């Protein structure tokens, strides 16, 4: 599932994000969502989140929960 819809992204989910410095390469970083930083309902480049380790980026994939 992609991360362009805010309603689909929830704290505690495992996601793949792209960090600001990795936008050119598209390198993904995996982590657990702590906070949602995008206020609008959708965003074409992905909802911006803060992970539990403090990294901030845009959600590219929402991983299925166990």
Protein backbone atom coordinates (compact mmCIF):
# COMPACT_ATOMS: atom_id res chain seq x y z
CA UNK A 1 0.00 0.00 0.00
CA UNK A 2 1.35 3.44 -0.82
CA UNK A 3 1.55 6.27 1.70
CA UNK A 4 -0.21 9.15 -0.10
CA UNK A 5 -3.44 8.91 1.94
CA UNK A 6 -3.20 10.23 5.53
CA UNK A 7 -6.08 8.02 6.76
CA UNK A 8 -4.05 4.90 5.89
CA UNK A 9 -1.00 5.92 7.97
CA UNK A 10 -1.24 5.37 11.74
CA UNK A 11 1.26 5.61 14.62
CA UNK A 12 2.77 2.21 15.40
CA UNK A 13 2.75 0.99 11.79
CA UNK A 14 5.90 -0.23 10.09
CA UNK A 15 6.62 1.79 6.95
CA UNK A 16 9.29 2.49 4.35
CA UNK A 17 10.09 6.19 4.03
CA UNK A 18 12.39 8.23 1.83
CA UNK A 19 14.49 10.74 3.77
CA UNK A 20 15.09 14.25 2.38
CA UNK A 21 18.74 13.50 1.59
CA UNK A 22 17.74 10.25 -0.19
CA UNK A 23 15.09 11.75 -2.50
CA UNK A 24 17.45 11.75 -5.51
CA UNK A 25 18.47 8.10 -5.07
CA UNK A 26 15.11 6.81 -3.80
CA UNK A 27 16.81 4.88 -0.97
CA UNK A 28 14.19 3.67 1.51
CA UNK A 29 14.47 3.61 5.30
CA UNK A 30 12.29 1.24 7.35
CA UNK A 31 10.86 2.17 10.73
CA UNK A 32 7.85 2.55 13.01
CA UNK A 33 5.65 5.66 12.74
CA UNK A 34 5.68 7.89 15.84
CA UNK A 35 4.03 11.12 14.56
CA UNK A 36 2.23 12.23 11.41
CA UNK A 37 3.56 15.61 10.26
CA UNK A 38 1.39 16.21 7.15
CA UNK A 39 -1.95 17.82 8.02
CA UNK A 40 -3.68 17.50 4.64
CA UNK A 41 -5.69 14.37 3.77
CA UNK A 42 -3.45 13.38 0.88
CA UNK A 43 -0.04 14.30 -0.49
CA UNK A 44 1.24 13.24 -3.92
CA UNK A 45 4.78 12.49 -2.65
CA UNK A 46 3.66 10.67 0.51
CA UNK A 47 2.58 11.63 4.00
CA UNK A 48 5.46 13.09 6.04
CA UNK A 49 6.08 11.20 9.30
CA UNK A 50 8.55 11.04 12.18
CA UNK A 51 9.79 7.57 13.04
CA UNK A 52 10.39 6.32 16.60
CA UNK A 53 14.14 6.85 16.06
CA UNK A 54 13.56 10.51 15.16
CA UNK A 55 14.11 10.33 11.39
CA UNK A 56 11.67 12.33 9.24
CA UNK A 57 10.59 11.42 5.72
CA UNK A 58 7.73 10.71 3.36
CA UNK A 59 5.94 7.34 3.42
CA UNK A 60 6.45 5.29 0.25
CA UNK A 61 5.11 1.92 1.44
CA UNK A 62 2.98 0.80 4.36
CA UNK A 63 4.03 -2.70 5.39
CA UNK A 64 1.35 -5.24 6.29
CA UNK A 65 0.91 -5.82 10.03
CA UNK A 66 1.35 -9.19 11.61
